[in-house]
Every structure is written in structure tokens, then in C-alpha cells.
Amino acid sequence: MTRLGAVDIGTNSTRLLVADVSGSGRTATLDPMERRMQITRLGQGVDATRALHPDAIARTVAALRDFGEVAEKLGVERMRATATSAARDASNREELFDAAADVLGVRPELIPGEEEARLSFLGATADLTEPSPFLVVDIGGGSTEFVVGVEEPTAAISIDVGCVRVTEQFLHSDPPTAEELSGAVSVVRDHLADVEREIPSVREAKTMVGLAGTVTTVAAVEQGLAEYDRDAIHHFRLTRAAVEDVFRTLALESGEQRRHNPGLEPGRVDVIVGGTVVLVSILRAFDIDELLVSEADILDGIVRSLT
């Protein structure tokens, strides 16, 4: 048994997993010791400036300092940290990486979208008994990854749409206007045409697995969870009709009204509509009636990659 750590530095949130692991790869057994998440909004303004904002770096480094202390306290033997869309787009990412290495003890790796997709697939599908092939969709803050496969990925693509990016580019009113929503949906639809062109097997998948904060938040709102409950969210079956209903509700509300929805954490109030634009567009474009929500994701994949 080895105690391993994983850190995911995303566009909207920064997360930690510490787990005791036996075995290797897909067949490894993970016994999670600690999961933590902080909304750090690293992608603040990156789409417009192509640089990480000093405040965003400070928020992220503060979270990483906490994570480093947790990892040390729990006796983590090996750790891997990855950075994704916001860092990929930023000209000054080394400033973040230098500070992160000091407080975390390991230097983050800048991974391409395809590697992000592979790790997400590994984490999300290792313990599934549902019919394959799987379509794993990871809706992040700045990008969305699609990966198709059975035991291993056979095709993957990353597109530059996510909850933060869509919000900053299109949804400027509170609540968003019909024109803003229509424009956002149209652009996401164009990106999804690229997905189908690059990986036509996306329509052959028998089980869609949805990952990350947008998907888990929609599942929490649909269930009306007053408090976060991982067991209630993990492997919850979310229908297209339910997603459409949550989308309509959230999109028509102002931020002040929206924040009162059970299951919607405060840090996602301003970007959840952008995320649901992406999610509902995917279900419509690929005619998917139901998805399996997974709380096992890239963090679990990072841990498995260390075995």
C-alpha cells in the first residue's frame, strides 16, 4: 500500500486527492484519505489577456499551500500536480509554477488537452460495469475534453469551451439575455461539430460519463441537495430532460436568485449557466438521453498514473 497525492490546477477550481493505493493502473485499488476543492478562478480574464491575473495566482497558491500542508501531514510518499486550460493559455504560467513548487513540494506539469482527457478517462472508467464503449466528457472552466474507449482511450479531443470561458465571452447580462444564450449555444455547437468530425465514434458510445463541477452541480441541483453529498452525486443518472429543466431554471434567474438553489455552491453562481450551456448543447448535438455522473475523474487518473 502506497500513499499517493494528486493535485489538479484547473481554470475554475484547484483540487487535491490523497489516497492509499495498491496495485497499478486500471486495476489499482484506491482508498481515498482526503479530497479537497477550492474555487480559485485561475482563469480570471485569461481569455482576454492571455495572462494569469496576480489575484488569481495568489488565490491558487494559497490553496496549494494548504494542500501541501495536508499532504505532508498525511505522509504522502509521491505526488503529481497537473495544470490545464488556463495555464496552457497563459504567457506567465511559470510565475505560478515557481510559486506552486515552493509551497507544494512538486512542480506542476502543463499537460495538453489529450493527456487531460486520457487521465480523466482512466479515473472515471476504472470501476464501471455499465455498457461500453464509454464517452467521457469533462467540462472544465476553460476547455472540455471528450474521450471514447473501452478499457483504454481510442480517440480524444479537447475544445476551448468551458464554464468560465463561455461566461466571459458571451454571458454579460444578469440574467443572460436570450440573444447572449443563443450566441453561446451557437458557438458551442460549432465546436461540437469539430468533435464529431474528429472522432465520429462519439455517436457509438453506449454510456456517457460526465465529469467535473458543472455536471456534479447540475446533479446536486436536480436532487435539491442542501449539503454536498458525494455518495448521492457519484453515479447518479442525470437525464437530458432534467438537464434541460435545470438549464432553463438557472438561465432565467439573476445571480442573486440563482444562489438560493440547493446544490449550487456560491463559487459557481456566476459561471454555472455557461457550464450548462455546454452540457445541454452536448446532449442535444449527440442525441444523448442520459449520462452517468462521476466524482471519480482526473484526480483519480493522476493517482493511478503514479502506480
C-alpha atoms as a PDB file:
ATOM      1  CA  MET A   1       0.000   0.000   0.000  1.00  0.00           C
ATOM      2  CA  THR A   2       1.417   3.369  -1.065  1.00  0.00           C
ATOM      3  CA  ARG A   3       0.078   6.782  -0.072  1.00  0.00           C
ATOM      4  CA  LEU A   4      -0.094   8.970  -3.174  1.00  0.00           C
ATOM      5  CA  GLY A   5      -1.260  12.513  -3.868  1.00  0.00           C
ATOM      6  CA  ALA A   6      -2.746  14.269  -6.889  1.00  0.00           C
ATOM      7  CA  VAL A   7      -3.388  17.967  -7.499  1.00  0.00           C
ATOM      8  CA  ASP A   8      -5.462  19.327 -10.385  1.00  0.00           C
ATOM      9  CA  ILE A   9      -4.986  23.045 -11.086  1.00  0.00           C
ATOM     10  CA  GLY A  10      -7.954  23.912 -13.259  1.00  0.00           C
ATOM     11  CA  THR A  11      -9.425  27.074 -14.704  1.00  0.00           C
ATOM     12  CA  ASN A  12     -12.127  27.391 -12.057  1.00  0.00           C
ATOM     13  CA  SER A  13     -11.051  25.160  -9.172  1.00  0.00           C
ATOM     14  CA  THR A  14      -7.942  23.660  -7.588  1.00  0.00           C
ATOM     15  CA  ARG A  15      -8.316  20.206  -6.084  1.00  0.00           C
ATOM     16  CA  LEU A  16      -6.427  17.613  -4.047  1.00  0.00           C
ATOM     17  CA  LEU A  17      -6.756  13.842  -3.645  1.00  0.00           C
ATOM     18  CA  VAL A  18      -4.725  11.779  -1.196  1.00  0.00           C
ATOM     19  CA  ALA A  19      -5.263   8.029  -1.425  1.00  0.00           C
ATOM     20  CA  ASP A  20      -3.739   4.764  -0.278  1.00  0.00           C
ATOM     21  CA  VAL A  21      -3.163   2.680  -3.387  1.00  0.00           C
ATOM     22  CA  SER A  22      -2.413  -0.981  -4.013  1.00  0.00           C
ATOM     23  CA  GLY A  23      -1.872  -2.473  -7.452  1.00  0.00           C
ATOM     24  CA  SER A  24      -1.319  -0.474 -10.598  1.00  0.00           C
ATOM     25  CA  GLY A  25      -3.130   1.285 -13.422  1.00  0.00           C
ATOM     26  CA  ARG A  26      -6.779   0.467 -14.095  1.00  0.00           C
ATOM     27  CA  THR A  27      -6.760  -2.460 -11.669  1.00  0.00           C
ATOM     28  CA  ALA A  28      -5.329  -0.475  -8.758  1.00  0.00           C
ATOM     29  CA  THR A  29      -7.420  -0.193  -5.600  1.00  0.00           C
ATOM     30  CA  LEU A  30      -7.810   3.356  -4.291  1.00  0.00           C
ATOM     31  CA  ASP A  31      -8.724   4.100  -0.688  1.00  0.00           C
ATOM     32  CA  PRO A  32      -9.212   7.895  -0.549  1.00  0.00           C
ATOM     33  CA  MET A  33      -7.896   9.552   2.611  1.00  0.00           C
ATOM     34  CA  GLU A  34      -8.675  13.163   1.731  1.00  0.00           C
ATOM     35  CA  ARG A  35     -10.406  15.095  -1.057  1.00  0.00           C
ATOM     36  CA  ARG A  36     -10.342  18.880  -1.080  1.00  0.00           C
ATOM     37  CA  MET A  37     -11.529  21.525  -3.513  1.00  0.00           C
ATOM     38  CA  GLN A  38     -11.229  25.296  -3.550  1.00  0.00           C
ATOM     39  CA  ILE A  39     -12.691  27.553  -6.225  1.00  0.00           C
ATOM     40  CA  THR A  40      -9.708  29.705  -7.159  1.00  0.00           C
ATOM     41  CA  ARG A  41     -10.798  31.016 -10.612  1.00  0.00           C
ATOM     42  CA  LEU A  42      -7.288  30.801 -12.071  1.00  0.00           C
ATOM     43  CA  GLY A  43      -8.790  31.551 -15.482  1.00  0.00           C
ATOM     44  CA  GLN A  44      -9.952  35.044 -14.440  1.00  0.00           C
ATOM     45  CA  GLY A  45      -9.558  37.170 -17.580  1.00  0.00           C
ATOM     46  CA  VAL A  46      -7.147  34.766 -19.293  1.00  0.00           C
ATOM     47  CA  ASP A  47      -9.278  34.535 -22.415  1.00  0.00           C
ATOM     48  CA  ALA A  48      -8.934  38.293 -22.966  1.00  0.00           C
ATOM     49  CA  THR A  49      -5.396  38.947 -21.706  1.00  0.00           C
ATOM     50  CA  ARG A  50      -3.647  35.596 -22.295  1.00  0.00           C
ATOM     51  CA  ALA A  51      -2.065  36.035 -18.878  1.00  0.00           C
ATOM     52  CA  LEU A  52      -2.830  34.901 -15.336  1.00  0.00           C
ATOM     53  CA  HIS A  53      -4.115  37.728 -13.125  1.00  0.00           C
ATOM     54  CA  PRO A  54      -1.977  38.362  -9.999  1.00  0.00           C
ATOM     55  CA  ASP A  55      -5.042  37.875  -7.782  1.00  0.00           C
ATOM     56  CA  ALA A  56      -5.802  34.537  -9.458  1.00  0.00           C
ATOM     57  CA  ILE A  57      -2.225  33.381  -8.919  1.00  0.00           C
ATOM     58  CA  ALA A  58      -2.411  34.436  -5.261  1.00  0.00           C
ATOM     59  CA  ARG A  59      -5.682  32.550  -4.702  1.00  0.00           C
ATOM     60  CA  THR A  60      -4.315  29.418  -6.343  1.00  0.00           C
ATOM     61  CA  VAL A  61      -1.005  29.495  -4.487  1.00  0.00           C
ATOM     62  CA  ALA A  62      -2.872  29.908  -1.190  1.00  0.00           C
ATOM     63  CA  ALA A  63      -4.907  26.787  -1.959  1.00  0.00           C
ATOM     64  CA  LEU A  64      -1.769  24.886  -2.963  1.00  0.00           C
ATOM     65  CA  ARG A  65      -0.070  25.914   0.276  1.00  0.00           C
ATOM     66  CA  ASP A  66      -2.977  24.368   2.202  1.00  0.00           C
ATOM     67  CA  PHE A  67      -2.798  21.238   0.063  1.00  0.00           C
ATOM     68  CA  GLY A  68       0.950  20.927   0.615  1.00  0.00           C
ATOM     69  CA  GLU A  69       0.435  21.071   4.367  1.00  0.00           C
ATOM     70  CA  VAL A  70      -2.297  18.419   4.177  1.00  0.00           C
ATOM     71  CA  ALA A  71      -0.093  16.142   2.061  1.00  0.00           C
ATOM     72  CA  GLU A  72       2.811  16.496   4.482  1.00  0.00           C
ATOM     73  CA  LYS A  73       0.595  15.841   7.491  1.00  0.00           C
ATOM     74  CA  LEU A  74      -0.852  12.704   5.886  1.00  0.00           C
ATOM     75  CA  GLY A  75       2.571  11.378   4.896  1.00  0.00           C
ATOM     76  CA  VAL A  76       2.151  11.392   1.119  1.00  0.00           C
ATOM     77  CA  GLU A  77       5.035   9.453  -0.425  1.00  0.00           C
ATOM     78  CA  ARG A  78       4.698  10.674  -4.004  1.00  0.00           C
ATOM     79  CA  MET A  79       2.635  13.448  -5.567  1.00  0.00           C
ATOM     80  CA  ARG A  80       1.860  14.672  -9.074  1.00  0.00           C
ATOM     81  CA  ALA A  81       0.342  18.051  -9.904  1.00  0.00           C
ATOM     82  CA  THR A  82      -1.079  18.989 -13.290  1.00  0.00           C
ATOM     83  CA  ALA A  83      -2.226  22.297 -14.751  1.00  0.00           C
ATOM     84  CA  THR A  84      -4.704  22.524 -17.598  1.00  0.00           C
ATOM     85  CA  SER A  85      -6.569  25.027 -19.776  1.00  0.00           C
ATOM     86  CA  ALA A  86      -5.942  28.380 -18.066  1.00  0.00           C
ATOM     87  CA  ALA A  87      -2.241  27.647 -17.657  1.00  0.00           C
ATOM     88  CA  ARG A  88      -1.992  26.423 -21.252  1.00  0.00           C
ATOM     89  CA  ASP A  89      -3.356  29.763 -22.454  1.00  0.00           C
ATOM     90  CA  ALA A  90      -1.257  31.999 -20.182  1.00  0.00           C
ATOM     91  CA  SER A  91       2.051  33.579 -21.124  1.00  0.00           C
ATOM     92  CA  ASN A  92       3.123  33.960 -17.468  1.00  0.00           C
ATOM     93  CA  ARG A  93       2.342  30.448 -16.216  1.00  0.00           C
ATOM     94  CA  GLU A  94       5.931  29.937 -14.988  1.00  0.00           C
ATOM     95  CA  GLU A  95       5.240  32.566 -12.330  1.00  0.00           C
ATOM     96  CA  LEU A  96       2.505  30.304 -10.976  1.00  0.00           C
ATOM     97  CA  PHE A  97       4.589  27.143 -11.370  1.00  0.00           C
ATOM     98  CA  ASP A  98       7.558  28.641  -9.476  1.00  0.00           C
ATOM     99  CA  ALA A  99       5.360  29.660  -6.550  1.00  0.00           C
ATOM    100  CA  ALA A 100       3.488  26.339  -6.633  1.00  0.00           C
ATOM    101  CA  ALA A 101       6.707  24.338  -6.453  1.00  0.00           C
ATOM    102  CA  ASP A 102       7.736  26.264  -3.329  1.00  0.00           C
ATOM    103  CA  VAL A 103       4.517  25.638  -1.392  1.00  0.00           C
ATOM    104  CA  LEU A 104       3.513  22.226  -2.748  1.00  0.00           C
ATOM    105  CA  GLY A 105       6.861  20.476  -2.963  1.00  0.00           C
ATOM    106  CA  VAL A 106       6.377  19.392  -6.581  1.00  0.00           C
ATOM    107  CA  ARG A 107       6.342  21.479  -9.734  1.00  0.00           C
ATOM    108  CA  PRO A 108       3.082  21.365 -11.692  1.00  0.00           C
ATOM    109  CA  GLU A 109       3.153  19.790 -15.136  1.00  0.00           C
ATOM    110  CA  LEU A 110       1.495  21.604 -18.011  1.00  0.00           C
ATOM    111  CA  ILE A 111      -0.450  18.850 -19.757  1.00  0.00           C
ATOM    112  CA  PRO A 112      -2.100  19.070 -23.192  1.00  0.00           C
ATOM    113  CA  GLY A 113      -5.819  18.524 -23.600  1.00  0.00           C
ATOM    114  CA  GLU A 114      -5.313  14.999 -24.926  1.00  0.00           C
ATOM    115  CA  GLU A 115      -3.373  13.947 -21.805  1.00  0.00           C
ATOM    116  CA  GLU A 116      -6.030  15.606 -19.639  1.00  0.00           C
ATOM    117  CA  ALA A 117      -8.627  13.518 -21.473  1.00  0.00           C
ATOM    118  CA  ARG A 118      -6.625  10.307 -21.027  1.00  0.00           C
ATOM    119  CA  LEU A 119      -6.216  10.833 -17.285  1.00  0.00           C
ATOM    120  CA  SER A 120      -9.901  11.715 -16.893  1.00  0.00           C
ATOM    121  CA  PHE A 121     -10.896   8.556 -18.770  1.00  0.00           C
ATOM    122  CA  LEU A 122      -8.612   6.424 -16.597  1.00  0.00           C
ATOM    123  CA  GLY A 123     -10.035   7.895 -13.414  1.00  0.00           C
ATOM    124  CA  ALA A 124     -13.691   7.779 -14.431  1.00  0.00           C
ATOM    125  CA  THR A 125     -13.995   4.336 -16.014  1.00  0.00           C
ATOM    126  CA  ALA A 126     -11.747   2.074 -13.947  1.00  0.00           C
ATOM    127  CA  ASP A 127     -14.568   0.720 -11.767  1.00  0.00           C
ATOM    128  CA  LEU A 128     -17.532   0.953 -14.167  1.00  0.00           C
ATOM    129  CA  THR A 129     -19.767  -2.017 -15.007  1.00  0.00           C
ATOM    130  CA  GLU A 130     -22.003  -0.086 -17.419  1.00  0.00           C
ATOM    131  CA  PRO A 131     -22.032  -0.957 -21.137  1.00  0.00           C
ATOM    132  CA  SER A 132     -19.082   0.261 -23.196  1.00  0.00           C
ATOM    133  CA  PRO A 133     -17.751   1.966 -25.282  1.00  0.00           C
ATOM    134  CA  PHE A 134     -17.684   4.924 -22.912  1.00  0.00           C
ATOM    135  CA  LEU A 135     -17.835   8.581 -23.841  1.00  0.00           C
ATOM    136  CA  VAL A 136     -16.178  10.532 -21.047  1.00  0.00           C
ATOM    137  CA  VAL A 137     -16.905  14.270 -21.087  1.00  0.00           C
ATOM    138  CA  ASP A 138     -15.014  16.571 -18.739  1.00  0.00           C
ATOM    139  CA  ILE A 139     -16.480  20.108 -18.728  1.00  0.00           C
ATOM    140  CA  GLY A 140     -13.895  22.388 -17.178  1.00  0.00           C
ATOM    141  CA  GLY A 141     -13.587  26.117 -16.792  1.00  0.00           C
ATOM    142  CA  GLY A 142     -11.683  26.798 -19.991  1.00  0.00           C
ATOM    143  CA  SER A 143     -11.936  23.616 -22.014  1.00  0.00           C
ATOM    144  CA  THR A 144     -13.997  20.472 -22.437  1.00  0.00           C
ATOM    145  CA  GLU A 145     -12.447  17.078 -23.098  1.00  0.00           C
ATOM    146  CA  PHE A 146     -14.091  14.210 -24.975  1.00  0.00           C
ATOM    147  CA  VAL A 147     -12.635  10.713 -24.925  1.00  0.00           C
ATOM    148  CA  VAL A 148     -14.055   7.468 -26.292  1.00  0.00           C
ATOM    149  CA  GLY A 149     -12.840   3.993 -25.386  1.00  0.00           C
ATOM    150  CA  VAL A 150     -13.436   0.701 -23.638  1.00  0.00           C
ATOM    151  CA  GLU A 151     -10.555  -0.116 -21.298  1.00  0.00           C
ATOM    152  CA  GLU A 152      -8.229   2.410 -22.912  1.00  0.00           C
ATOM    153  CA  PRO A 153      -8.963   5.597 -24.845  1.00  0.00           C
ATOM    154  CA  THR A 154      -9.244   5.101 -28.587  1.00  0.00           C
ATOM    155  CA  ALA A 155      -9.926   8.732 -29.517  1.00  0.00           C
ATOM    156  CA  ALA A 156      -9.815  12.057 -27.692  1.00  0.00           C
ATOM    157  CA  ILE A 157     -10.194  15.751 -28.373  1.00  0.00           C
ATOM    158  CA  SER A 158     -10.142  18.936 -26.314  1.00  0.00           C
ATOM    159  CA  ILE A 159     -12.153  22.002 -27.320  1.00  0.00           C
ATOM    160  CA  ASP A 160     -11.856  25.549 -25.999  1.00  0.00           C
ATOM    161  CA  VAL A 161     -15.244  25.885 -24.339  1.00  0.00           C
ATOM    162  CA  GLY A 162     -15.896  25.714 -20.606  1.00  0.00           C
ATOM    163  CA  CYS A 163     -17.998  27.366 -17.919  1.00  0.00           C
ATOM    164  CA  VAL A 164     -15.646  30.308 -17.321  1.00  0.00           C
ATOM    165  CA  ARG A 165     -14.730  30.858 -20.977  1.00  0.00           C
ATOM    166  CA  VAL A 166     -18.355  30.771 -22.183  1.00  0.00           C
ATOM    167  CA  THR A 167     -19.426  33.118 -19.388  1.00  0.00           C
ATOM    168  CA  GLU A 168     -16.683  35.657 -20.021  1.00  0.00           C
ATOM    169  CA  GLN A 169     -17.142  35.607 -23.803  1.00  0.00           C
ATOM    170  CA  PHE A 170     -20.930  35.631 -24.095  1.00  0.00           C
ATOM    171  CA  LEU A 171     -22.969  35.955 -20.895  1.00  0.00           C
ATOM    172  CA  HIS A 172     -22.585  39.565 -19.809  1.00  0.00           C
ATOM    173  CA  SER A 173     -26.098  40.355 -18.538  1.00  0.00           C
ATOM    174  CA  ASP A 174     -27.697  39.287 -15.268  1.00  0.00           C
ATOM    175  CA  PRO A 175     -29.608  37.195 -16.054  1.00  0.00           C
ATOM    176  CA  PRO A 176     -28.237  36.444 -19.546  1.00  0.00           C
ATOM    177  CA  THR A 177     -30.376  37.710 -22.409  1.00  0.00           C
ATOM    178  CA  ALA A 178     -31.922  35.345 -24.927  1.00  0.00           C
ATOM    179  CA  GLU A 179     -29.518  36.710 -27.546  1.00  0.00           C
ATOM    180  CA  GLU A 180     -26.495  36.022 -25.341  1.00  0.00           C
ATOM    181  CA  LEU A 181     -27.635  32.473 -24.639  1.00  0.00           C
ATOM    182  CA  SER A 182     -28.368  31.852 -28.310  1.00  0.00           C
ATOM    183  CA  GLY A 183     -24.930  33.132 -29.309  1.00  0.00           C
ATOM    184  CA  ALA A 184     -23.229  30.929 -26.729  1.00  0.00           C
ATOM    185  CA  VAL A 185     -25.160  27.830 -27.805  1.00  0.00           C
ATOM    186  CA  SER A 186     -24.347  28.524 -31.453  1.00  0.00           C
ATOM    187  CA  VAL A 187     -20.599  28.774 -30.830  1.00  0.00           C
ATOM    188  CA  VAL A 188     -20.567  25.648 -28.649  1.00  0.00           C
ATOM    189  CA  ARG A 189     -22.493  23.819 -31.390  1.00  0.00           C
ATOM    190  CA  ASP A 190     -19.775  24.765 -33.892  1.00  0.00           C
ATOM    191  CA  HIS A 191     -17.103  23.312 -31.614  1.00  0.00           C
ATOM    192  CA  LEU A 192     -19.139  20.128 -31.208  1.00  0.00           C
ATOM    193  CA  ALA A 193     -19.215  19.733 -34.985  1.00  0.00           C
ATOM    194  CA  ASP A 194     -15.408  19.619 -34.773  1.00  0.00           C
ATOM    195  CA  VAL A 195     -15.679  16.892 -32.136  1.00  0.00           C
ATOM    196  CA  GLU A 196     -17.862  14.716 -34.344  1.00  0.00           C
ATOM    197  CA  ARG A 197     -15.663  15.305 -37.367  1.00  0.00           C
ATOM    198  CA  GLU A 198     -12.503  14.319 -35.458  1.00  0.00           C
ATOM    199  CA  ILE A 199     -13.987  11.381 -33.504  1.00  0.00           C
ATOM    200  CA  PRO A 200     -17.119  10.099 -35.274  1.00  0.00           C
ATOM    201  CA  SER A 201     -17.170   7.176 -32.816  1.00  0.00           C
ATOM    202  CA  VAL A 202     -18.630   9.648 -30.300  1.00  0.00           C
ATOM    203  CA  ARG A 203     -22.070   8.520 -31.502  1.00  0.00           C
ATOM    204  CA  GLU A 204     -21.244   4.831 -30.980  1.00  0.00           C
ATOM    205  CA  ALA A 205     -20.722   5.179 -27.231  1.00  0.00           C
ATOM    206  CA  LYS A 206     -23.217   3.299 -25.067  1.00  0.00           C
ATOM    207  CA  THR A 207     -22.550   5.152 -21.809  1.00  0.00           C
ATOM    208  CA  MET A 208     -21.765   8.839 -21.410  1.00  0.00           C
ATOM    209  CA  VAL A 209     -19.863   9.662 -18.225  1.00  0.00           C
ATOM    210  CA  GLY A 210     -19.946  13.306 -17.156  1.00  0.00           C
ATOM    211  CA  LEU A 211     -17.190  14.810 -15.017  1.00  0.00           C
ATOM    212  CA  ALA A 212     -16.308  17.994 -13.142  1.00  0.00           C
ATOM    213  CA  GLY A 213     -18.104  20.822 -11.400  1.00  0.00           C
ATOM    214  CA  THR A 214     -20.755  21.741 -13.950  1.00  0.00           C
ATOM    215  CA  VAL A 215     -22.027  18.170 -14.185  1.00  0.00           C
ATOM    216  CA  THR A 216     -21.913  17.447 -10.458  1.00  0.00           C
ATOM    217  CA  THR A 217     -23.578  20.791  -9.694  1.00  0.00           C
ATOM    218  CA  VAL A 218     -26.446  20.108 -12.094  1.00  0.00           C
ATOM    219  CA  ALA A 219     -26.858  16.698 -10.410  1.00  0.00           C
ATOM    220  CA  ALA A 220     -26.886  18.348  -6.969  1.00  0.00           C
ATOM    221  CA  VAL A 221     -29.415  20.994  -8.054  1.00  0.00           C
ATOM    222  CA  GLU A 222     -31.632  18.354  -9.669  1.00  0.00           C
ATOM    223  CA  GLN A 223     -31.661  16.430  -6.372  1.00  0.00           C
ATOM    224  CA  GLY A 224     -32.056  19.583  -4.268  1.00  0.00           C
ATOM    225  CA  LEU A 225     -29.126  18.686  -2.052  1.00  0.00           C
ATOM    226  CA  ALA A 226     -28.911  21.146   0.822  1.00  0.00           C
ATOM    227  CA  GLU A 227     -25.364  19.975   1.533  1.00  0.00           C
ATOM    228  CA  TYR A 228     -22.730  18.351  -0.654  1.00  0.00           C
ATOM    229  CA  ASP A 229     -23.138  14.574  -0.629  1.00  0.00           C
ATOM    230  CA  ARG A 230     -20.592  12.697  -2.716  1.00  0.00           C
ATOM    231  CA  ASP A 231     -22.442   9.402  -2.410  1.00  0.00           C
ATOM    232  CA  ALA A 232     -25.654  10.975  -3.733  1.00  0.00           C
ATOM    233  CA  ILE A 233     -23.854  12.515  -6.703  1.00  0.00           C
ATOM    234  CA  HIS A 234     -21.409   9.757  -7.688  1.00  0.00           C
ATOM    235  CA  HIS A 235     -23.017   7.552 -10.368  1.00  0.00           C
ATOM    236  CA  PHE A 236     -26.279   9.497 -10.266  1.00  0.00           C
ATOM    237  CA  ARG A 237     -28.124   9.102 -13.557  1.00  0.00           C
ATOM    238  CA  LEU A 238     -28.897  12.508 -14.982  1.00  0.00           C
ATOM    239  CA  THR A 239     -31.469  12.609 -17.764  1.00  0.00           C
ATOM    240  CA  ARG A 240     -31.440  15.041 -20.653  1.00  0.00           C
ATOM    241  CA  ALA A 241     -34.889  16.259 -19.587  1.00  0.00           C
ATOM    242  CA  ALA A 242     -33.554  17.055 -16.113  1.00  0.00           C
ATOM    243  CA  VAL A 243     -30.546  18.930 -17.551  1.00  0.00           C
ATOM    244  CA  GLU A 244     -32.841  20.967 -19.802  1.00  0.00           C
ATOM    245  CA  ASP A 245     -35.042  21.804 -16.806  1.00  0.00           C
ATOM    246  CA  VAL A 246     -32.096  22.904 -14.623  1.00  0.00           C
ATOM    247  CA  PHE A 247     -30.704  24.934 -17.535  1.00  0.00           C
ATOM    248  CA  ARG A 248     -33.989  26.798 -18.036  1.00  0.00           C
ATOM    249  CA  THR A 249     -34.315  27.499 -14.324  1.00  0.00           C
ATOM    250  CA  LEU A 250     -30.783  28.801 -13.807  1.00  0.00           C
ATOM    251  CA  ALA A 251     -30.604  30.779 -17.056  1.00  0.00           C
ATOM    252  CA  LEU A 252     -33.768  32.744 -16.261  1.00  0.00           C
ATOM    253  CA  GLU A 253     -32.644  33.712 -12.755  1.00  0.00           C
ATOM    254  CA  SER A 254     -30.415  36.590 -11.704  1.00  0.00           C
ATOM    255  CA  GLY A 255     -27.282  35.759  -9.762  1.00  0.00           C
ATOM    256  CA  GLU A 256     -28.981  36.782  -6.524  1.00  0.00           C
ATOM    257  CA  GLN A 257     -31.937  34.475  -7.225  1.00  0.00           C
ATOM    258  CA  ARG A 258     -29.728  31.666  -8.510  1.00  0.00           C
ATOM    259  CA  ARG A 259     -27.611  31.432  -5.386  1.00  0.00           C
ATOM    260  CA  HIS A 260     -30.621  30.174  -3.397  1.00  0.00           C
ATOM    261  CA  ASN A 261     -30.867  26.925  -5.368  1.00  0.00           C
ATOM    262  CA  PRO A 262     -29.984  23.969  -3.109  1.00  0.00           C
ATOM    263  CA  GLY A 263     -26.924  22.210  -4.501  1.00  0.00           C
ATOM    264  CA  LEU A 264     -25.370  25.313  -6.079  1.00  0.00           C
ATOM    265  CA  GLU A 265     -22.235  26.351  -4.213  1.00  0.00           C
ATOM    266  CA  PRO A 266     -21.556  30.114  -4.030  1.00  0.00           C
ATOM    267  CA  GLY A 267     -18.368  29.959  -6.088  1.00  0.00           C
ATOM    268  CA  ARG A 268     -20.233  28.620  -9.111  1.00  0.00           C
ATOM    269  CA  VAL A 269     -23.203  31.001  -9.146  1.00  0.00           C
ATOM    270  CA  ASP A 270     -21.743  33.261 -11.825  1.00  0.00           C
ATOM    271  CA  VAL A 271     -20.444  30.523 -14.174  1.00  0.00           C
ATOM    272  CA  ILE A 272     -22.955  27.678 -13.860  1.00  0.00           C
ATOM    273  CA  VAL A 273     -25.158  28.966 -16.692  1.00  0.00           C
ATOM    274  CA  GLY A 274     -22.129  28.963 -19.002  1.00  0.00           C
ATOM    275  CA  GLY A 275     -21.410  25.403 -17.934  1.00  0.00           C
ATOM    276  CA  THR A 276     -24.969  24.250 -18.503  1.00  0.00           C
ATOM    277  CA  VAL A 277     -24.881  25.809 -21.983  1.00  0.00           C
ATOM    278  CA  VAL A 278     -22.025  23.413 -22.755  1.00  0.00           C
ATOM    279  CA  LEU A 279     -23.695  20.407 -21.136  1.00  0.00           C
ATOM    280  CA  VAL A 280     -27.117  20.827 -22.701  1.00  0.00           C
ATOM    281  CA  SER A 281     -25.535  21.511 -26.110  1.00  0.00           C
ATOM    282  CA  ILE A 282     -23.613  18.227 -25.926  1.00  0.00           C
ATOM    283  CA  LEU A 283     -26.729  16.221 -25.080  1.00  0.00           C
ATOM    284  CA  ARG A 284     -28.663  17.868 -27.911  1.00  0.00           C
ATOM    285  CA  ALA A 285     -25.891  17.560 -30.507  1.00  0.00           C
ATOM    286  CA  PHE A 286     -25.216  13.876 -29.901  1.00  0.00           C
ATOM    287  CA  ASP A 287     -28.821  12.937 -29.038  1.00  0.00           C
ATOM    288  CA  ILE A 288     -27.913  11.569 -25.600  1.00  0.00           C
ATOM    289  CA  ASP A 289     -30.853  10.867 -23.295  1.00  0.00           C
ATOM    290  CA  GLU A 290     -28.941  10.104 -20.080  1.00  0.00           C
ATOM    291  CA  LEU A 291     -25.498  10.441 -18.580  1.00  0.00           C
ATOM    292  CA  LEU A 292     -23.761   8.862 -15.621  1.00  0.00           C
ATOM    293  CA  VAL A 293     -22.339  11.442 -13.226  1.00  0.00           C
ATOM    294  CA  SER A 294     -18.908  10.571 -11.846  1.00  0.00           C
ATOM    295  CA  GLU A 295     -16.994  12.050  -8.928  1.00  0.00           C
ATOM    296  CA  ALA A 296     -14.020   9.911  -9.978  1.00  0.00           C
ATOM    297  CA  ASP A 297     -12.160  11.977 -12.539  1.00  0.00           C
ATOM    298  CA  ILE A 298      -8.749  13.338 -13.488  1.00  0.00           C
ATOM    299  CA  LEU A 299      -7.577  13.307  -9.853  1.00  0.00           C
ATOM    300  CA  ASP A 300      -8.171   9.566  -9.654  1.00  0.00           C
ATOM    301  CA  GLY A 301      -6.456   9.190 -13.020  1.00  0.00           C
ATOM    302  CA  ILE A 302      -3.424  11.153 -11.822  1.00  0.00           C
ATOM    303  CA  VAL A 303      -3.114   8.915  -8.776  1.00  0.00           C
ATOM    304  CA  ARG A 304      -3.377   5.800 -10.955  1.00  0.00           C
ATOM    305  CA  SER A 305      -0.709   7.222 -13.281  1.00  0.00           C
ATOM    306  CA  LEU A 306       1.746   7.191 -10.340  1.00  0.00           C
ATOM    307  CA  THR A 307       1.402   3.434  -9.828  1.00  0.00           C
END
